[in-house]
Amino acid sequence: MRGADPWKSSDPLGEALHFLRMTGSFYVRSELSGSWGLALPAMEDALWFHTVVDGRCLLSVPGERTRELVPGDFALVPHGRGHVLAAGVDASVRATSVHDLPHEYISDRYAVITHDAGGAGHVASLVCGAVRLDHPAAQKLVRLLPALVVVDADPGPRQSRMQSVLAMVAEEARVLEPGGEAVITRLSDILVIHALRSWIANTPGAQSGWLGALQDDRIGAALALIHRHPHERWTVAALASRANMSRSAFSARFTELVGDSAMSYLATWRMQVAYETLRSEDVVLAELARRSGYLSEAAFGKAFKRATGISPGSVRRREAVSMADGQSSR
């Protein structure tokens, strides 16, 4: 379109959702019968999700009321808390750790559990997963979520697309054909994004704070610029110009909506992105300093340590040790 600003985003909130790329994912399809209970362990920085393919179950998260899940429901446990899935009407049934049950590994990221706990015949088929969301925008969004998010089965138009995806997951889980685990994992990622969109649309609190700022025509545009181009040498005047606001009006509105000044938010965002880059990429520090808007490694290193409490080199060494430990435990 003639005259359009190629830097300007028409959907800053959508861009934030685009950052919901899931890493470190693991998916489990479970066929459970009898008086079963399944304990999902606490996992730091992980988001658990659960959907019932057949039957029903109870979901118990500490501090939240127990919820019954039926086919068509989709549940998120966002903050890595341990929780329990159980059969019947008694969520206090003795639960077995998911790690203690035999797994049939279809791939390195997908397993099948078949477990008969004995007792009354409560049968359920579930698809569950634990995923990590590494990008700072994704982490910022997840921190805003409550301890439990349940998107109920709903025939209304808002949930129709999600129900279609759930139906596809259910069909793939019932008859696992070649490549079925790949289909289920990709559809599960889509379901997580659908659930977050549903929560944002239906939660009054999601219309304020950082999420509300993303949905503001002018401040959202400035946030999108910071998110997409953190290496640019942004000033308040430059961001205000992009938002078509005066410098003073922009500064006041940005701080009011985001809860932080534009320059402070930019500095924090740069360090968050740099931290995740160190964890996920083999990038030289001089290049990372440039990407983060710094002219020298030394200035970047000081700013990074001031923001995170550790040096860039320490992050890289910690990640190398973590990867070595993960490989040795297989």
Foldseek 3Di string as FASTA:
>chain_A
DPPDDPLFDPALLVVLLVLQDWPPKAKEKEKEWAFAKEKEAQDAQKKKKKAWLAAKWWKFFPPDDIDIHHHQKMKIQQGRHIIMITFDDDNPPDHDYPVPFDWDDPDPRYTYGYDYPDHDTRITIMMMMMTHRQAPSVVVLSVPDDRMAMDHRDPDPLCVVVSVLSNVLSVCSVPVDVCSVVSNVVSVSVNVSSSSVVCCVPPPVCCAAPNVLCVDQQSVRLVSSLLVQLLDPDDLCVSCVSSVHHSVVSQVVNCRGHVDGPVVVSLLNLLSNLLSCLLPHPDDQCVSCNSNNHNDSVVVQVSNCVNPVDGSVVSNVVSVVVVVVVVVVD
